[in-house]
Structures are given as structure tokens and as C-alpha cells.
């Protein structure tokens, strides 16, 4: 998987430009479906990452990119779920999350927030 660019609001993966949050699940890229987490939006100011979303747990390591400025909240329930599944959870601003993902992409999945 090649990350050509990331800037506030867009990310380019394998030559395809995305203008929305993405989930990388075993080499496949899809749009992050935030609807299950929308109920927390008012409490956090924007939609956080919750365990109610369809997270890509089939991996050894899950990297979460928290946005350009690292502002995406990750709920404690995600951290507990990762621990119960014995999945290493790495939470970093998106630029650093991309670097972490690239260190071992074979065994790593990701959720990448592309704004805030």
C-alpha cells in the first residue's frame, strides 16, 4: 500500500484520492461508517471513534489516525475491546499513524481520520 499524500481533508492511497475518513482492512480501503458513533457527537464536539463502528479487528495491530491535529476522540470502549481481542492499539495523529502502519502493513489494519 502506497500513501502518496495526506493533507487536511484528503488522503491519497495507491493513487486513489479520498476526501473522507478511511478504514484499511487487510489491504482493502473503505469509507469509515460513522453513523454508529453519531450519538456521541454532541458530547465530544464531533463524531468520536467508538466500538459500535465496524472496526477492522482481524489483525495483530490496529493503528488509529486521529487527524491532522490529533483531535479525533477514541472512546475507552475501543481500548478495552482491543485489549480483550489482544490487538495492539496504536493511536497517533494521522501523519504519524501512516508511518506506523507502513512499518508492518501485513499484520496491521487502520482507521484514518483526515480532518481535525
N, C-alpha and C. Protein backbone atom coordinates (compact mmCIF):
# COMPACT_ATOMS: atom_id res chain seq x y z
N UNK A 1 0.84 -1.17 0.00
CA UNK A 1 0.00 0.00 0.00
C UNK A 1 0.89 1.24 0.00
N UNK A 2 0.62 2.15 -0.94
CA UNK A 2 1.44 3.35 -1.03
C UNK A 2 0.60 4.58 -0.72
N UNK A 3 1.10 5.34 0.25
CA UNK A 3 0.47 6.60 0.63
C UNK A 3 1.21 7.69 -0.11
N UNK A 4 0.54 8.30 -1.07
CA UNK A 4 1.20 9.34 -1.85
C UNK A 4 1.16 10.68 -1.12
N UNK A 5 0.01 10.99 -0.51
CA UNK A 5 -0.08 12.27 0.18
C UNK A 5 -1.17 12.24 1.23
N UNK A 6 -1.01 13.11 2.19
CA UNK A 6 -2.05 13.37 3.19
C UNK A 6 -2.00 14.85 3.49
N UNK A 7 -3.15 15.49 3.40
CA UNK A 7 -3.27 16.87 3.84
C UNK A 7 -4.67 17.00 4.44
N UNK A 8 -4.88 18.06 5.17
CA UNK A 8 -6.15 18.25 5.85
C UNK A 8 -7.31 18.04 4.86
N UNK A 9 -8.09 17.00 5.07
CA UNK A 9 -9.27 16.76 4.24
C UNK A 9 -9.09 15.78 3.10
N UNK A 10 -7.87 15.37 2.78
CA UNK A 10 -7.67 14.39 1.71
C UNK A 10 -6.49 13.47 2.03
N UNK A 11 -6.61 12.26 1.49
CA UNK A 11 -5.53 11.29 1.59
C UNK A 11 -5.48 10.53 0.27
N UNK A 12 -4.30 10.23 -0.21
CA UNK A 12 -4.14 9.50 -1.46
C UNK A 12 -3.46 8.17 -1.15
N UNK A 13 -4.17 7.07 -1.45
CA UNK A 13 -3.66 5.72 -1.19
C UNK A 13 -3.70 4.95 -2.50
N UNK A 14 -2.56 4.41 -2.89
CA UNK A 14 -2.46 3.64 -4.14
C UNK A 14 -3.04 4.40 -5.33
N UNK A 15 -2.77 5.70 -5.37
CA UNK A 15 -3.20 6.52 -6.50
C UNK A 15 -4.65 6.97 -6.46
N UNK A 16 -5.39 6.59 -5.43
CA UNK A 16 -6.80 6.99 -5.30
C UNK A 16 -6.90 8.04 -4.20
N UNK A 17 -7.55 9.15 -4.52
CA UNK A 17 -7.71 10.25 -3.57
C UNK A 17 -9.04 10.09 -2.83
N UNK A 18 -8.98 10.16 -1.50
CA UNK A 18 -10.18 10.05 -0.66
C UNK A 18 -10.37 11.37 0.07
N UNK A 19 -11.62 11.81 0.16
CA UNK A 19 -11.92 13.04 0.89
C UNK A 19 -12.82 12.74 2.09
N UNK A 20 -12.65 11.56 2.64
CA UNK A 20 -13.39 11.12 3.82
C UNK A 20 -12.51 10.16 4.62
N UNK A 21 -12.89 9.92 5.88
CA UNK A 21 -12.14 9.00 6.72
C UNK A 21 -12.15 7.61 6.08
N UNK A 22 -11.04 6.90 6.21
CA UNK A 22 -10.94 5.58 5.61
C UNK A 22 -10.60 4.52 6.66
N UNK A 23 -10.99 3.29 6.32
CA UNK A 23 -10.64 2.11 7.09
C UNK A 23 -9.83 1.22 6.16
N UNK A 24 -8.68 0.78 6.63
CA UNK A 24 -7.86 -0.16 5.87
C UNK A 24 -7.97 -1.50 6.58
N UNK A 25 -8.56 -2.46 5.88
CA UNK A 25 -8.83 -3.78 6.45
C UNK A 25 -8.21 -4.83 5.55
N UNK A 26 -7.07 -5.38 6.00
CA UNK A 26 -6.34 -6.42 5.28
C UNK A 26 -6.09 -6.03 3.82
N UNK A 27 -5.62 -4.79 3.64
CA UNK A 27 -5.23 -4.31 2.32
C UNK A 27 -6.34 -3.67 1.51
N UNK A 28 -7.56 -3.70 1.99
CA UNK A 28 -8.69 -3.09 1.30
C UNK A 28 -9.05 -1.77 1.97
N UNK A 29 -9.35 -0.76 1.15
CA UNK A 29 -9.71 0.56 1.67
C UNK A 29 -11.21 0.75 1.51
N UNK A 30 -11.85 1.22 2.59
CA UNK A 30 -13.27 1.53 2.53
C UNK A 30 -13.55 2.78 3.35
N UNK A 31 -14.70 3.35 3.14
CA UNK A 31 -15.12 4.53 3.87
C UNK A 31 -15.46 4.16 5.32
N UNK A 32 -15.05 4.99 6.25
CA UNK A 32 -15.43 4.81 7.65
C UNK A 32 -16.91 5.15 7.79
N UNK A 33 -17.67 4.24 8.36
CA UNK A 33 -19.10 4.46 8.60
C UNK A 33 -19.27 4.96 10.02
N UNK A 34 -19.48 6.26 10.17
CA UNK A 34 -19.53 6.91 11.48
C UNK A 34 -20.89 6.83 12.17
N UNK A 35 -21.92 6.44 11.46
CA UNK A 35 -23.27 6.51 12.00
C UNK A 35 -23.42 5.86 13.38
N UNK A 36 -22.84 4.68 13.65
CA UNK A 36 -23.00 4.09 14.98
C UNK A 36 -22.41 4.95 16.11
N UNK A 37 -21.50 5.85 15.79
CA UNK A 37 -20.87 6.72 16.80
C UNK A 37 -21.51 8.10 16.88
N UNK A 38 -22.45 8.40 16.01
CA UNK A 38 -23.06 9.74 15.95
C UNK A 38 -23.71 10.17 17.28
N UNK A 39 -24.21 9.20 18.05
CA UNK A 39 -24.87 9.56 19.31
C UNK A 39 -23.94 10.25 20.29
N UNK A 40 -22.64 10.11 20.11
CA UNK A 40 -21.65 10.74 20.99
C UNK A 40 -21.18 12.10 20.48
N UNK A 41 -21.64 12.49 19.32
CA UNK A 41 -21.18 13.72 18.66
C UNK A 41 -21.34 14.96 19.53
N UNK A 42 -22.50 15.15 20.12
CA UNK A 42 -22.76 16.33 20.92
C UNK A 42 -21.81 16.41 22.13
N UNK A 43 -21.57 15.27 22.74
CA UNK A 43 -20.71 15.21 23.92
C UNK A 43 -19.25 15.57 23.61
N UNK A 44 -18.78 15.20 22.41
CA UNK A 44 -17.38 15.39 22.06
C UNK A 44 -17.12 16.51 21.07
N UNK A 45 -18.16 17.12 20.53
CA UNK A 45 -17.98 18.21 19.57
C UNK A 45 -17.90 17.74 18.14
N UNK A 46 -17.56 16.50 17.91
CA UNK A 46 -17.65 15.84 16.61
C UNK A 46 -17.67 14.34 16.86
N UNK A 47 -17.87 13.57 15.82
CA UNK A 47 -18.09 12.14 15.99
C UNK A 47 -16.80 11.42 16.39
N UNK A 48 -16.75 10.86 17.61
CA UNK A 48 -15.57 10.11 18.04
C UNK A 48 -15.55 8.71 17.43
N UNK A 49 -14.50 7.98 17.67
CA UNK A 49 -14.41 6.59 17.25
C UNK A 49 -14.91 5.73 18.41
N UNK A 50 -15.95 4.95 18.16
CA UNK A 50 -16.48 4.08 19.21
C UNK A 50 -16.43 2.62 18.75
N UNK A 51 -16.58 1.72 19.69
CA UNK A 51 -16.54 0.29 19.39
C UNK A 51 -17.81 -0.16 18.66
N UNK A 52 -18.78 0.74 18.54
CA UNK A 52 -20.01 0.40 17.82
C UNK A 52 -19.81 0.41 16.31
N UNK A 53 -18.72 1.03 15.87
CA UNK A 53 -18.42 1.06 14.44
C UNK A 53 -17.87 -0.30 14.00
N UNK A 54 -17.87 -0.50 12.70
CA UNK A 54 -17.34 -1.72 12.12
C UNK A 54 -15.81 -1.58 12.02
N UNK A 55 -15.14 -1.86 13.12
CA UNK A 55 -13.69 -1.69 13.16
C UNK A 55 -13.01 -2.95 12.63
N UNK A 56 -11.86 -2.80 11.99
CA UNK A 56 -11.15 -3.93 11.36
C UNK A 56 -10.29 -4.71 12.36
N UNK A 57 -10.92 -5.54 13.17
CA UNK A 57 -10.21 -6.22 14.26
C UNK A 57 -9.37 -7.42 13.82
N UNK A 58 -9.50 -7.89 12.60
CA UNK A 58 -8.74 -9.08 12.17
C UNK A 58 -7.30 -8.68 11.83
N UNK A 59 -6.53 -8.47 12.87
CA UNK A 59 -5.14 -8.03 12.71
C UNK A 59 -4.41 -8.22 14.04
N UNK A 60 -3.11 -8.01 14.00
CA UNK A 60 -2.31 -8.03 15.22
C UNK A 60 -2.21 -6.63 15.82
N UNK A 61 -2.30 -5.64 14.92
CA UNK A 61 -2.14 -4.25 15.35
C UNK A 61 -3.15 -3.39 14.60
N UNK A 62 -3.82 -2.52 15.35
CA UNK A 62 -4.77 -1.58 14.75
C UNK A 62 -4.26 -0.17 15.01
N UNK A 63 -3.99 0.54 13.93
CA UNK A 63 -3.50 1.91 14.01
C UNK A 63 -4.68 2.86 13.78
N UNK A 64 -4.82 3.81 14.68
CA UNK A 64 -5.87 4.81 14.53
C UNK A 64 -5.22 6.17 14.33
N UNK A 65 -5.50 6.77 13.18
CA UNK A 65 -5.03 8.12 12.89
C UNK A 65 -6.08 9.11 13.37
N UNK A 66 -5.70 9.97 14.29
CA UNK A 66 -6.65 10.86 14.94
C UNK A 66 -6.78 12.23 14.27
N UNK A 67 -6.34 12.34 13.04
CA UNK A 67 -6.50 13.59 12.29
C UNK A 67 -5.23 14.40 12.20
N UNK A 68 -5.29 15.47 11.43
CA UNK A 68 -4.13 16.33 11.20
C UNK A 68 -3.60 16.93 12.49
N UNK A 69 -4.49 17.23 13.41
CA UNK A 69 -4.09 17.85 14.68
C UNK A 69 -4.29 16.91 15.87
N UNK A 70 -4.60 15.63 15.58
CA UNK A 70 -4.77 14.65 16.64
C UNK A 70 -6.01 14.84 17.49
N UNK A 71 -7.08 15.39 16.93
CA UNK A 71 -8.25 15.77 17.73
C UNK A 71 -9.37 14.72 17.76
N UNK A 72 -9.29 13.65 16.98
CA UNK A 72 -10.36 12.65 17.00
C UNK A 72 -10.35 11.91 18.33
N UNK A 73 -11.44 11.99 19.10
CA UNK A 73 -11.50 11.22 20.34
C UNK A 73 -11.69 9.74 20.05
N UNK A 74 -10.98 8.92 20.80
CA UNK A 74 -11.14 7.47 20.73
C UNK A 74 -11.71 7.04 22.09
N UNK A 75 -12.91 6.47 22.06
CA UNK A 75 -13.57 6.13 23.31
C UNK A 75 -12.86 4.97 24.02
N UNK A 76 -12.96 4.96 25.33
CA UNK A 76 -12.34 3.92 26.15
C UNK A 76 -12.80 2.53 25.75
N UNK A 77 -14.02 2.42 25.29
CA UNK A 77 -14.55 1.11 24.88
C UNK A 77 -13.74 0.51 23.74
N UNK A 78 -13.17 1.33 22.88
CA UNK A 78 -12.31 0.84 21.79
C UNK A 78 -11.04 0.25 22.39
N UNK A 79 -10.49 0.94 23.35
CA UNK A 79 -9.26 0.47 24.01
C UNK A 79 -9.51 -0.84 24.75
N UNK A 80 -10.65 -0.96 25.42
CA UNK A 80 -10.98 -2.20 26.13
C UNK A 80 -11.19 -3.36 25.14
N UNK A 81 -11.88 -3.06 24.04
CA UNK A 81 -12.12 -4.09 23.02
C UNK A 81 -10.81 -4.59 22.42
N UNK A 82 -9.90 -3.67 22.15
CA UNK A 82 -8.59 -4.07 21.62
C UNK A 82 -7.86 -4.98 22.60
N UNK A 83 -7.89 -4.62 23.86
CA UNK A 83 -7.22 -5.43 24.88
C UNK A 83 -7.86 -6.81 24.97
N UNK A 84 -9.18 -6.88 24.93
CA UNK A 84 -9.84 -8.18 25.04
C UNK A 84 -9.56 -9.06 23.83
N UNK A 85 -9.32 -8.45 22.68
CA UNK A 85 -9.01 -9.20 21.46
C UNK A 85 -7.51 -9.45 21.30
N UNK A 86 -6.73 -8.89 22.22
CA UNK A 86 -5.26 -8.99 22.16
C UNK A 86 -4.70 -8.38 20.88
N UNK A 87 -5.29 -7.23 20.51
CA UNK A 87 -4.84 -6.46 19.36
C UNK A 87 -4.11 -5.24 19.89
N UNK A 88 -2.87 -5.04 19.44
CA UNK A 88 -2.12 -3.85 19.83
C UNK A 88 -2.81 -2.63 19.22
N UNK A 89 -3.10 -1.65 20.03
CA UNK A 89 -3.76 -0.44 19.57
C UNK A 89 -2.76 0.70 19.58
N UNK A 90 -2.60 1.34 18.42
CA UNK A 90 -1.68 2.46 18.28
C UNK A 90 -2.51 3.68 17.88
N UNK A 91 -2.50 4.71 18.71
CA UNK A 91 -3.31 5.91 18.46
C UNK A 91 -2.37 7.10 18.30
N UNK A 92 -2.36 7.68 17.09
CA UNK A 92 -1.44 8.77 16.76
C UNK A 92 -2.12 9.75 15.81
N UNK A 93 -1.62 10.99 15.73
CA UNK A 93 -2.08 11.88 14.66
C UNK A 93 -1.87 11.18 13.31
N UNK A 94 -2.70 11.47 12.34
CA UNK A 94 -2.73 10.70 11.10
C UNK A 94 -1.39 10.61 10.37
N UNK A 95 -0.62 11.67 10.31
CA UNK A 95 0.68 11.59 9.63
C UNK A 95 1.55 10.52 10.28
N UNK A 96 1.62 10.51 11.59
CA UNK A 96 2.42 9.52 12.31
C UNK A 96 1.78 8.13 12.24
N UNK A 97 0.45 8.07 12.19
CA UNK A 97 -0.24 6.79 12.07
C UNK A 97 0.08 6.12 10.73
N UNK A 98 0.17 6.91 9.67
CA UNK A 98 0.54 6.37 8.36
C UNK A 98 1.94 5.75 8.44
N UNK A 99 2.86 6.44 9.07
CA UNK A 99 4.22 5.92 9.23
C UNK A 99 4.21 4.62 10.03
N UNK A 100 3.44 4.57 11.10
CA UNK A 100 3.34 3.37 11.93
C UNK A 100 2.73 2.22 11.13
N UNK A 101 1.72 2.51 10.35
CA UNK A 101 1.08 1.48 9.51
C UNK A 101 2.08 0.88 8.54
N UNK A 102 2.89 1.72 7.93
CA UNK A 102 3.82 1.27 6.91
C UNK A 102 4.96 0.40 7.46
N UNK A 103 5.18 0.43 8.75
CA UNK A 103 6.24 -0.40 9.34
C UNK A 103 5.92 -1.88 9.27
N UNK A 104 4.64 -2.25 9.33
CA UNK A 104 4.24 -3.66 9.26
C UNK A 104 2.82 -3.76 8.69
N UNK A 105 2.64 -3.40 7.42
CA UNK A 105 1.30 -3.37 6.84
C UNK A 105 0.64 -4.75 6.73
N UNK A 106 1.43 -5.80 6.69
CA UNK A 106 0.88 -7.15 6.53
C UNK A 106 -0.01 -7.54 7.71
N UNK A 107 0.38 -7.14 8.90
CA UNK A 107 -0.35 -7.53 10.11
C UNK A 107 -1.08 -6.36 10.77
N UNK A 108 -1.23 -5.26 10.03
CA UNK A 108 -1.79 -4.04 10.60
C UNK A 108 -3.00 -3.58 9.79
N UNK A 109 -4.04 -3.18 10.49
CA UNK A 109 -5.19 -2.51 9.90
C UNK A 109 -5.20 -1.09 10.42
N UNK A 110 -6.04 -0.23 9.85
CA UNK A 110 -6.04 1.17 10.26
C UNK A 110 -7.40 1.82 10.09
N UNK A 111 -7.62 2.84 10.91
CA UNK A 111 -8.72 3.78 10.76
C UNK A 111 -8.06 5.14 10.71
N UNK A 112 -8.22 5.86 9.61
CA UNK A 112 -7.54 7.14 9.44
C UNK A 112 -8.54 8.29 9.29
N UNK A 113 -8.50 9.18 10.25
CA UNK A 113 -9.32 10.40 10.24
C UNK A 113 -8.54 11.46 9.47
N UNK A 114 -9.19 12.12 8.52
CA UNK A 114 -8.41 13.01 7.64
C UNK A 114 -8.61 14.50 7.90
N UNK A 115 -9.43 14.85 8.89
CA UNK A 115 -9.55 16.27 9.24
C UNK A 115 -9.12 16.44 10.69
N UNK A 116 -9.45 17.50 11.30
CA UNK A 116 -9.10 17.92 12.67
C UNK A 116 -7.88 17.21 13.21
